[in-house]
Every structure is written in C-alpha cells, then in structure tokens.
Amino acid sequence: MSSNPSSSTINESILRQAALAKKASRALAVLTPESKKRVLLAMAESLAASSADIVFHNEIDVEAARQSGLSPALIERLVLDIPRVQGMVKALQEISAQKDPIGEVLEQWTRPNGLQIEKVRVPLGVIAMIYESRPNVTVDAAALCLQSGNAVLLRGGSEAINSNRAIITALSKALAAQSVPEGSVQLLDDTSREGVLELIRLPQLIDLVIARGSEEMILHIMKNATVPVLGHGKGVCHIYIDEKADMDMAVKIAMNAKVQRPGVCNAVETLLIHQSVAKTFLPRIAADYKQAGVEMRGDEAVCALIPAAIAATEEDWHTEYSDLIISLHIVPSVSEAIAHIHRYGSGHTDAIITQDAAIANQFLLNVDSAAVLHNTSTRMHDGSVFGLGAEIGISTRKLHARGTMGARELTSTKYIVHGTGQIRS
C-alpha cells in the first residue's frame, strides 16, 4: 500500500480495515482469560525471534531521521536496539500475567422488587491509536488492546514505518497461529494527514481515538474528530525543590528527571527552587547539568547565581523542550510554586522534593495534574513502573481516563440485570 494514496483509496482502505476491526472486536470481547494469556505469550515469543529483523528495519528509520535533521532527543525515542526489543518482550509477558479486566463485577445489588443488578467491565470495542516516533508503542498498544478485548487500528508516524511494519509482521505470525480473529491488530500503512482525517471520522466503526504525539497533532485530531478522543497530552513537567528538601536527593532526582531520557513526555522541563535553598542547590545542579550538556534558562535571580544560564523568556515556561534544555525559576513559597504550575503546566506530571510532610501534603492535594509525586523523579510516572506492564499513553484529560493508562483504562461498563418477571407499573 502506498504511504500517500489518493483520497478515494484512503477512504476504501481505511473503511475496509475499520470494518474488519469492528467484526473482530465482537469475537475479542468474549475471549477467555486463558486464551488471551496464550496469545500474548505467543506474541512475546514471536517478537523475540524477530529481534534482529526488527532492529535492522529500525536502523533504516533512524538513518532516515538523521538525514532529515531530527533532533538527537527525538531520534533517541525512535531507536530500537536488542535491549529495547527485549523490554518489549518483557512487557508482553507482564501483561499476560495480569488479571483479565473483562467481566469484573464492579458493583452488584438487589432491589426491593427482586431485580438483581450487576455493573460489569466490558471492552470499548475498536480503538484507533495514532502516535509518532516510539515504535515500542506498537507492541504496547497491541497487547493492551488484546488484553482488554479491543480491536486496534495502529497508525504510527512515517518516521517509524519500517520499524512498525517489522513489529506487526512478527506479531501477526503469532496472532494467526493462535487463530485470533482477522483484523484484531492492524497497522495502517497510510501515514498521511488526509488518512488521519478519514480515520477519526468513522464513529460507526471506531469507538475511541487515542492520540499520542506532538501537541499540534493532538489538537488537530481533537478539532476534527467525530469519534471520542483521548489525548496523550504534552508534558510540561515540574519539580519543586522545597526549603526542607534533602539536597543530595534533590540533585539526584533533578538530574534523572532531565537527563536520563530528555525526549520523553515525563522528563522534567522546569525546576522551581525555594529562595532559601537557591544558593545551595543551584550551583550544585548547574555543575552536573553543564557536565551533561544541559542548556539552562533562568529568571534574573537564577542567572545571577548560574553564570552559564541564559535569560528565560515567557515562552520558556510553557515549553516542552523534549531535549537537554531546562528552565529554572526561584519562588518564595510552595504556594507560589503551585501557582506557577497551574499557570504554565500541562497537567501531566509534577513533583515536590521535601522532608516536610505538611508541605508535601499541601502540594499533593493542590496541584491538579494526572500524577503528583513526592520525593521521586517525574520519570516514575510510567506504566511499567506502576506495575501495569506497559501503557498505551498518559492521559491529561479528565474523561474517560486520567494518567497512565493500562488495560483497565481501555474498558467501559454495562449493566447486567436478572429478573423474575418484574414489569414497570
């Protein structure tokens, strides 16, 4: 299939794949937990056997990304080496070991007239996953959708098309061998903007769109979709260094949150430092950041303490750098730190470093983000860290799910009612 087919071809191919997914979703909804476990383990085995082929095709994508001038941090998100493929295999194995969410009875009660009512967890149906870079998302989305009884249409970015095709080839072998319904997991080869518009306007076939990528892409989808959209929002993440912070801990966490993987959405973008510890903390973190190649942008007070820092602009406080760049701002109190986060943050992940339980509690209760952390790195807001095995995204929306999303977040509910002949009077 061409990456940029004509409008008529886009419509025909996407309609065909969406209809196939809808049909498959009916069968997936009633798969037994044992069947799902068997399929997921087969997917893991096939992925492991295809590791070398996946890495080979990923190298083609990475070289093309370098030639096109993609930033090193964004290229890092694209790279798949053998250890990362092994991590994807492990994620499949971990998901297979989880409790099946489908059929879970959330509530049950009996009415005075004898009606027995249950509220039961069920699949959503068909999920369209639209994402950029990070080909590991292909595996995570396929596995989590299967575990939650959903069919999935995967639309990755053009920069990862060879990697995604190699991954889907490996997964498809396992799905076919396990007699999983055709259309359960499909990769859309069409990576055009027009193709996305076709996909997100099929409410009769698709139940949910999950958008994971740039802010521009997510806003474009939300603006044009007629299918409900769950956005993996941008990560303007903060860490507040309180006056009662352990300085060794604060430096270690601030380094990890920025440097370990700067291109991911839960990397820290702004450090807020209490004025009473600024003279102690800033020279220490500045020395470590300078050694790691981090560009520092600060307010006037920060620049006075860190000669290497450049003056921050108003835009910096709003920016998700996805790179080795960080903004630094000195604040007089935890209240001012919270106010700054609410003004400039994206509601993704924010953290406080303090030994004062009361101050920590004030921050945790008042900061309105999908995850609020105490004395740990923002990088810890992650599906594998939370014990979910993998995540399909981190939602900054408040409906239908918020924060890191595993299999349970890809479900809805329905009522099952048992009667003995009751009628409405």
Protein backbone atom coordinates (compact mmCIF):
# COMPACT_ATOMS: atom_id res chain seq x y z
CA MET A 1 0.00 0.00 0.00
CA SER A 2 1.33 3.47 -0.82
CA SER A 3 2.07 5.87 2.02
CA ASN A 4 0.20 8.63 0.19
CA PRO A 5 -2.64 7.06 -1.78
CA SER A 6 -5.38 9.02 -3.48
CA SER A 7 -8.40 10.21 -1.48
CA SER A 8 -10.61 7.50 -2.90
CA THR A 9 -8.05 4.82 -1.99
CA ILE A 10 -7.67 6.23 1.51
CA ASN A 11 -11.40 6.01 2.03
CA GLU A 12 -11.66 2.48 0.65
CA SER A 13 -8.66 1.01 2.50
CA ILE A 14 -9.40 2.61 5.85
CA LEU A 15 -13.07 1.73 5.67
CA ARG A 16 -12.15 -1.88 4.89
CA GLN A 17 -9.71 -2.12 7.78
CA ALA A 18 -12.07 -0.38 10.23
CA ALA A 19 -14.94 -2.69 9.25
CA LEU A 20 -12.68 -5.72 9.72
CA ALA A 21 -11.68 -4.41 13.16
CA LYS A 22 -15.33 -3.93 14.13
CA LYS A 23 -16.10 -7.51 13.21
CA ALA A 24 -13.07 -8.79 15.11
CA SER A 25 -13.99 -6.78 18.21
CA ARG A 26 -17.16 -8.87 18.69
CA ALA A 27 -15.09 -12.04 18.97
CA LEU A 28 -12.34 -10.44 21.07
CA ALA A 29 -14.91 -9.27 23.62
CA VAL A 30 -15.64 -12.86 24.64
CA LEU A 31 -12.13 -14.33 24.55
CA THR A 32 -11.34 -16.22 27.75
CA PRO A 33 -8.53 -15.07 30.05
CA GLU A 34 -6.67 -18.30 29.25
CA SER A 35 -6.87 -17.60 25.52
CA LYS A 36 -5.57 -14.07 25.93
CA LYS A 37 -2.67 -15.25 28.05
CA ARG A 38 -1.72 -17.85 25.45
CA VAL A 39 -1.88 -15.31 22.62
CA LEU A 40 0.19 -12.69 24.49
CA LEU A 41 2.90 -15.21 25.29
CA ALA A 42 2.95 -16.33 21.65
CA MET A 43 3.32 -12.67 20.62
CA ALA A 44 6.26 -12.32 23.02
CA GLU A 45 7.93 -15.42 21.61
CA SER A 46 7.49 -14.29 18.01
CA LEU A 47 8.78 -10.79 18.82
CA ALA A 48 11.87 -12.23 20.50
CA ALA A 49 12.54 -14.49 17.50
CA SER A 50 12.29 -11.47 15.17
CA SER A 51 14.57 -9.17 17.22
CA ALA A 52 17.36 -8.95 14.65
CA ASP A 53 14.95 -8.22 11.79
CA ILE A 54 13.19 -5.52 13.82
CA VAL A 55 16.49 -3.83 14.71
CA PHE A 56 17.61 -4.00 11.07
CA HIS A 57 14.48 -2.22 9.83
CA ASN A 58 14.66 0.26 12.72
CA GLU A 59 18.17 1.25 11.61
CA ILE A 60 16.70 2.26 8.24
CA ASP A 61 14.24 4.58 10.01
CA VAL A 62 16.92 6.00 12.32
CA GLU A 63 19.28 6.78 9.44
CA ALA A 64 16.46 8.50 7.53
CA ALA A 65 15.63 10.52 10.66
CA ARG A 66 19.26 11.64 10.96
CA GLN A 67 19.34 12.63 7.29
CA SER A 68 16.14 14.66 7.75
CA GLY A 69 17.66 16.60 10.68
CA LEU A 70 15.53 15.19 13.51
CA SER A 71 16.93 16.24 16.90
CA PRO A 72 19.07 13.73 18.86
CA ALA A 73 16.46 13.55 21.64
CA LEU A 74 13.69 12.68 19.17
CA ILE A 75 15.92 10.17 17.40
CA GLU A 76 16.54 8.55 20.78
CA ARG A 77 12.79 7.93 21.05
CA LEU A 78 12.87 6.18 17.69
CA VAL A 79 15.79 3.84 18.31
CA LEU A 80 15.23 0.13 18.90
CA ASP A 81 18.23 -1.94 19.91
CA ILE A 82 18.22 -5.52 21.21
CA PRO A 83 17.76 -4.49 24.88
CA ARG A 84 14.75 -2.35 23.95
CA VAL A 85 13.21 -5.17 21.94
CA GLN A 86 13.79 -7.41 24.95
CA GLY A 87 11.96 -4.79 27.03
CA MET A 88 9.02 -5.02 24.64
CA VAL A 89 9.04 -8.81 25.01
CA LYS A 90 9.06 -8.43 28.79
CA ALA A 91 6.10 -6.02 28.61
CA LEU A 92 4.08 -8.63 26.71
CA GLN A 93 4.94 -11.25 29.30
CA GLU A 94 3.98 -8.94 32.17
CA ILE A 95 0.64 -8.06 30.58
CA SER A 96 -0.08 -11.76 30.08
CA ALA A 97 0.34 -12.29 33.82
CA GLN A 98 -2.14 -9.58 34.79
CA LYS A 99 -5.69 -10.21 35.89
CA ASP A 100 -8.11 -10.02 32.96
CA PRO A 101 -10.18 -6.84 33.45
CA ILE A 102 -13.11 -8.00 31.31
CA GLY A 103 -16.07 -9.41 33.19
CA GLU A 104 -15.01 -7.89 36.51
CA VAL A 105 -18.11 -7.12 38.58
CA LEU A 106 -17.62 -3.60 39.90
CA GLU A 107 -20.88 -3.40 41.85
CA GLN A 108 -23.88 -5.63 42.48
CA TRP A 109 -27.09 -5.16 44.40
CA THR A 110 -30.65 -6.42 44.70
CA ARG A 111 -33.61 -4.05 44.50
CA PRO A 112 -36.69 -4.38 46.79
CA ASN A 113 -38.64 -5.76 43.80
CA GLY A 114 -36.11 -8.60 43.45
CA LEU A 115 -34.16 -7.29 40.43
CA GLN A 116 -30.52 -8.37 40.65
CA ILE A 117 -28.22 -5.75 39.09
CA GLU A 118 -24.52 -6.01 38.25
CA LYS A 119 -22.20 -3.36 36.85
CA VAL A 120 -19.64 -5.24 34.75
CA ARG A 121 -16.43 -4.20 32.99
CA VAL A 122 -16.54 -4.63 29.17
CA PRO A 123 -14.31 -3.70 26.21
CA LEU A 124 -14.67 -0.37 24.42
CA GLY A 125 -14.72 -2.08 21.00
CA VAL A 126 -12.40 -0.64 18.34
CA ILE A 127 -9.55 1.70 19.29
CA ALA A 128 -7.65 3.79 16.75
CA MET A 129 -4.17 4.51 18.09
CA ILE A 130 -2.45 7.47 16.41
CA TYR A 131 1.13 8.06 17.51
CA GLU A 132 4.54 9.37 16.46
CA SER A 133 8.09 8.02 16.75
CA ARG A 134 8.46 5.40 19.54
CA PRO A 135 7.78 2.08 17.73
CA ASN A 136 7.53 0.30 21.10
CA VAL A 137 4.05 1.85 21.29
CA THR A 138 3.04 -0.57 18.52
CA VAL A 139 3.65 -3.51 20.84
CA ASP A 140 2.21 -1.89 23.96
CA ALA A 141 -0.99 -0.83 22.19
CA ALA A 142 -1.50 -4.20 20.51
CA ALA A 143 -1.00 -6.08 23.79
CA LEU A 144 -3.11 -3.81 25.99
CA CYS A 145 -5.96 -3.73 23.49
CA LEU A 146 -5.94 -7.51 23.19
CA GLN A 147 -5.86 -7.94 26.98
CA SER A 148 -8.84 -5.58 27.30
CA GLY A 149 -10.79 -7.31 24.50
CA ASN A 150 -10.49 -4.48 21.98
CA ALA A 151 -9.52 -4.49 18.32
CA VAL A 152 -6.92 -1.86 17.43
CA LEU A 153 -6.01 0.15 14.35
CA LEU A 154 -2.41 1.37 14.67
CA ARG A 155 -1.39 4.48 12.81
CA GLY A 156 2.27 5.26 13.52
CA GLY A 157 4.32 8.07 12.06
CA SER A 158 6.14 7.94 8.74
CA GLU A 159 9.47 8.22 10.58
CA ALA A 160 8.93 4.73 12.10
CA ILE A 161 7.13 2.97 9.24
CA ASN A 162 9.80 0.30 8.61
CA SER A 163 10.11 -0.49 12.32
CA ASN A 164 6.35 -0.73 12.75
CA ARG A 165 5.94 -3.00 9.73
CA ALA A 166 8.62 -5.38 11.06
CA ILE A 167 6.97 -5.45 14.50
CA ILE A 168 3.50 -6.09 13.09
CA THR A 169 4.86 -8.86 10.85
CA ALA A 170 6.21 -10.61 13.94
CA LEU A 171 3.02 -10.11 15.97
CA SER A 172 0.78 -11.17 13.09
CA LYS A 173 2.52 -14.53 12.86
CA ALA A 174 1.62 -15.25 16.48
CA LEU A 175 -1.95 -13.97 16.09
CA ALA A 176 -2.55 -16.14 13.04
CA ALA A 177 -1.04 -19.21 14.71
CA GLN A 178 -3.36 -18.71 17.70
CA SER A 179 -6.44 -18.26 15.45
CA VAL A 180 -7.10 -14.73 16.69
CA PRO A 181 -9.83 -13.13 14.54
CA GLU A 182 -8.54 -11.40 11.42
CA GLY A 183 -8.48 -7.64 11.89
CA SER A 184 -7.83 -7.72 15.64
CA VAL A 185 -4.49 -5.89 15.30
CA GLN A 186 -3.86 -3.87 12.14
CA LEU A 187 -1.21 -1.39 11.08
CA LEU A 188 -2.37 1.40 8.78
CA ASP A 189 0.37 1.94 6.23
CA ASP A 190 -1.12 5.28 5.24
CA THR A 191 0.74 7.91 7.30
CA SER A 192 -0.75 10.94 5.54
CA ARG A 193 -2.65 13.75 7.25
CA GLU A 194 -5.63 13.01 4.99
CA GLY A 195 -5.65 9.41 6.17
CA VAL A 196 -5.90 10.53 9.79
CA LEU A 197 -8.91 12.68 8.95
CA GLU A 198 -10.63 9.67 7.36
CA LEU A 199 -9.88 7.52 10.39
CA ILE A 200 -11.16 9.91 13.06
CA ARG A 201 -14.48 10.44 11.28
CA LEU A 202 -15.81 6.88 11.49
CA PRO A 203 -17.93 6.86 14.68
CA GLN A 204 -19.99 3.95 13.38
CA LEU A 205 -16.87 1.75 13.29
CA ILE A 206 -14.42 3.22 15.81
CA ASP A 207 -15.23 3.70 19.49
CA LEU A 208 -12.20 5.68 20.70
CA VAL A 209 -9.22 7.51 19.22
CA ILE A 210 -6.09 7.73 21.35
CA ALA A 211 -3.68 10.42 20.15
CA ARG A 212 -0.09 10.27 21.32
CA GLY A 213 2.44 12.69 19.88
CA SER A 214 3.06 16.39 19.38
CA GLU A 215 0.70 18.98 20.79
CA GLU A 216 -0.01 20.17 17.24
CA MET A 217 -1.04 16.67 16.15
CA ILE A 218 -3.26 16.08 19.17
CA LEU A 219 -5.03 19.43 18.83
CA HIS A 220 -5.59 18.78 15.11
CA ILE A 221 -7.22 15.43 15.88
CA MET A 222 -9.39 16.83 18.68
CA LYS A 223 -10.56 19.66 16.44
CA ASN A 224 -11.53 17.42 13.53
CA ALA A 225 -12.66 14.12 15.06
CA THR A 226 -16.23 12.90 15.28
CA VAL A 227 -15.02 9.91 17.32
CA PRO A 228 -14.27 10.50 21.04
CA VAL A 229 -10.58 11.38 21.52
CA LEU A 230 -8.32 10.66 24.45
CA GLY A 231 -5.18 12.78 24.17
CA HIS A 232 -1.78 11.80 25.49
CA GLY A 233 -1.08 15.42 26.39
CA LYS A 234 2.21 17.29 26.25
CA GLY A 235 4.44 17.08 29.28
CA VAL A 236 5.44 20.43 30.70
CA CYS A 237 6.52 18.72 33.93
CA HIS A 238 7.83 20.49 37.04
CA ILE A 239 9.86 19.64 40.10
CA TYR A 240 9.64 21.94 43.10
CA ILE A 241 12.72 21.93 45.38
CA ASP A 242 11.37 22.93 48.80
CA GLU A 243 13.35 24.65 51.54
CA LYS A 244 13.13 21.40 53.55
CA ALA A 245 14.43 19.24 50.70
CA ASP A 246 17.31 16.82 51.14
CA MET A 247 19.84 18.46 48.79
CA ASP A 248 21.57 15.23 47.75
CA MET A 249 18.19 13.71 46.89
CA ALA A 250 17.09 16.86 45.06
CA VAL A 251 20.19 16.93 42.84
CA LYS A 252 19.92 13.22 42.05
CA ILE A 253 16.23 13.47 41.14
CA ALA A 254 16.62 16.67 39.11
CA MET A 255 19.41 15.04 37.10
CA ASN A 256 17.48 11.83 36.46
CA ALA A 257 14.28 13.63 35.50
CA LYS A 258 16.03 15.77 32.86
CA VAL A 259 18.97 13.73 31.59
CA GLN A 260 18.01 10.05 31.68
CA ARG A 261 15.68 10.35 28.64
CA PRO A 262 15.09 14.02 27.78
CA GLY A 263 12.87 13.29 24.79
CA VAL A 264 10.03 11.60 26.68
CA CYS A 265 6.86 13.23 27.98
CA ASN A 266 7.59 12.70 31.70
CA ALA A 267 11.01 14.34 31.60
CA VAL A 268 11.14 17.49 33.73
CA GLU A 269 11.11 20.81 31.85
CA THR A 270 11.09 23.33 34.72
CA LEU A 271 12.71 23.32 38.15
CA LEU A 272 11.13 25.57 40.79
CA ILE A 273 13.52 26.30 43.66
CA HIS A 274 12.64 27.80 47.05
CA GLN A 275 14.56 31.03 47.52
CA SER A 276 16.09 29.93 50.83
CA VAL A 277 17.94 26.98 49.21
CA ALA A 278 18.70 28.54 45.83
CA LYS A 279 22.29 29.47 46.71
CA THR A 280 22.93 25.91 47.91
CA PHE A 281 21.08 23.94 45.29
CA LEU A 282 21.62 25.87 42.05
CA PRO A 283 25.46 25.77 41.87
CA ARG A 284 25.36 22.00 42.50
CA ILE A 285 22.75 21.16 39.89
CA ALA A 286 24.29 23.64 37.43
CA ALA A 287 27.65 21.87 37.60
CA ASP A 288 26.01 18.49 36.93
CA TYR A 289 23.80 19.86 34.16
CA LYS A 290 26.76 21.56 32.48
CA GLN A 291 28.70 18.30 32.51
CA ALA A 292 25.70 16.50 30.96
CA GLY A 293 25.34 19.14 28.24
CA VAL A 294 22.08 20.61 29.52
CA GLU A 295 21.29 24.18 28.45
CA MET A 296 19.92 26.19 31.39
CA ARG A 297 17.44 29.04 31.05
CA GLY A 298 16.58 31.01 34.15
CA ASP A 299 14.93 34.05 35.65
CA GLU A 300 17.04 37.05 36.70
CA ALA A 301 17.84 35.63 40.14
CA VAL A 302 18.87 32.28 38.64
CA CYS A 303 21.14 33.93 36.08
CA ALA A 304 22.85 35.84 38.90
CA LEU A 305 23.71 32.54 40.60
CA ILE A 306 24.50 30.50 37.47
CA PRO A 307 26.82 32.32 35.02
CA ALA A 308 26.17 29.66 32.35
CA ALA A 309 22.38 30.23 32.38
CA ILE A 310 20.70 32.35 29.74
CA ALA A 311 17.68 34.55 30.38
CA ALA A 312 14.38 32.69 30.14
CA THR A 313 11.51 34.16 28.15
CA GLU A 314 7.79 33.90 28.88
CA GLU A 315 7.59 31.20 26.20
CA ASP A 316 10.12 29.03 28.04
CA TRP A 317 7.76 28.45 30.96
CA HIS A 318 5.17 27.00 28.54
CA THR A 319 7.60 24.85 26.55
CA GLU A 320 8.03 21.09 26.42
CA TYR A 321 11.63 21.00 25.19
CA SER A 322 11.96 17.24 24.69
CA ASP A 323 15.69 17.97 24.72
CA LEU A 324 18.63 18.74 27.01
CA ILE A 325 17.22 22.15 27.94
CA ILE A 326 15.68 23.16 31.26
CA SER A 327 14.05 26.26 32.75
CA LEU A 328 14.82 27.33 36.32
CA HIS A 329 12.74 29.66 38.46
CA ILE A 330 13.17 30.76 42.07
CA VAL A 331 9.98 31.04 44.15
CA PRO A 332 9.32 32.34 47.70
CA SER A 333 6.96 29.56 48.82
CA VAL A 334 5.22 26.31 47.99
CA SER A 335 2.08 28.34 47.22
CA GLU A 336 3.95 30.28 44.54
CA ALA A 337 5.30 27.02 43.12
CA ILE A 338 1.77 25.63 42.88
CA ALA A 339 0.54 28.85 41.24
CA HIS A 340 3.34 28.66 38.66
CA ILE A 341 2.48 25.05 37.85
CA HIS A 342 -1.20 25.87 37.39
CA ARG A 343 -0.33 28.81 35.15
CA TYR A 344 2.21 27.11 32.90
CA GLY A 345 1.88 23.36 33.38
CA SER A 346 0.12 20.86 31.14
CA GLY A 347 -1.44 18.76 33.89
CA HIS A 348 0.86 15.82 33.16
CA THR A 349 3.33 15.10 35.99
CA ASP A 350 4.65 17.35 38.74
CA ALA A 351 6.79 16.57 41.78
CA ILE A 352 7.90 18.03 45.09
CA ILE A 353 11.15 17.29 46.91
CA THR A 354 10.80 17.92 50.65
CA GLN A 355 11.20 16.27 54.04
CA ASP A 356 8.27 18.27 55.44
CA ALA A 357 5.13 16.09 55.40
CA ALA A 358 2.75 19.05 55.74
CA ILE A 359 4.31 20.92 52.81
CA ALA A 360 4.30 17.73 50.74
CA ASN A 361 0.62 17.18 51.50
CA GLN A 362 -0.23 20.78 50.54
CA PHE A 363 1.48 20.27 47.18
CA LEU A 364 -0.03 16.83 46.53
CA LEU A 365 -3.57 18.00 47.32
CA ASN A 366 -3.45 21.27 45.41
CA VAL A 367 -1.54 20.52 42.23
CA ASP A 368 -4.13 19.46 39.62
CA SER A 369 -2.14 17.07 37.43
CA ALA A 370 -2.60 13.49 36.26
CA ALA A 371 0.20 12.39 38.62
CA VAL A 372 1.67 14.29 41.56
CA LEU A 373 4.83 12.86 43.10
CA HIS A 374 6.73 13.27 46.38
CA ASN A 375 10.49 12.70 46.63
CA THR A 376 10.80 10.85 43.34
CA SER A 377 11.56 11.61 39.69
CA THR A 378 8.84 12.63 37.23
CA ARG A 379 10.21 9.77 35.10
CA MET A 380 8.47 7.39 37.50
CA HIS A 381 5.02 8.22 36.06
CA ASP A 382 5.03 5.23 33.74
CA GLY A 383 3.01 2.08 33.17
CA SER A 384 5.83 -0.37 33.82
CA VAL A 385 6.90 1.48 36.98
CA PHE A 386 3.29 1.46 38.20
CA GLY A 387 3.08 -2.30 37.66
CA LEU A 388 0.86 -2.15 34.58
CA GLY A 389 3.42 -3.91 32.39
CA ALA A 390 3.05 -1.24 29.73
CA GLU A 391 0.93 1.79 28.99
CA ILE A 392 -0.98 2.91 25.97
CA GLY A 393 -0.44 6.53 26.95
CA ILE A 394 -0.66 9.08 29.72
CA SER A 395 -3.91 10.98 29.57
CA THR A 396 -4.08 14.58 30.74
CA ARG A 397 -7.82 14.62 30.08
CA LYS A 398 -10.27 14.09 32.95
CA LEU A 399 -12.69 11.91 30.94
CA HIS A 400 -12.65 8.91 30.42
CA ALA A 401 -9.28 8.07 31.99
CA ARG A 402 -6.51 10.16 33.54
CA GLY A 403 -2.82 9.46 33.99
CA THR A 404 -1.01 6.34 32.90
CA MET A 405 -3.36 4.00 31.04
CA GLY A 406 -3.18 0.22 31.13
CA ALA A 407 -5.67 -2.45 30.11
CA ARG A 408 -8.30 -1.47 32.70
CA GLU A 409 -8.42 2.06 31.31
CA LEU A 410 -9.38 0.63 27.90
CA THR A 411 -12.71 -0.62 29.17
CA SER A 412 -16.23 0.63 29.74
CA THR A 413 -19.08 -0.85 31.77
CA LYS A 414 -22.52 -2.26 31.19
CA TYR A 415 -25.35 -3.31 33.47
CA ILE A 416 -26.47 -6.93 33.59
CA VAL A 417 -29.89 -7.33 35.18
CA HIS A 418 -31.63 -10.56 36.26
CA GLY A 419 -35.35 -10.55 36.92
CA THR A 420 -38.14 -12.97 37.75
CA GLY A 421 -40.91 -11.42 35.68
CA GLN A 422 -40.92 -7.84 37.06
CA ILE A 423 -42.74 -5.21 35.00
CA ARG A 424 -42.94 -1.43 35.23
CA SER A 425 -46.21 -0.15 36.74
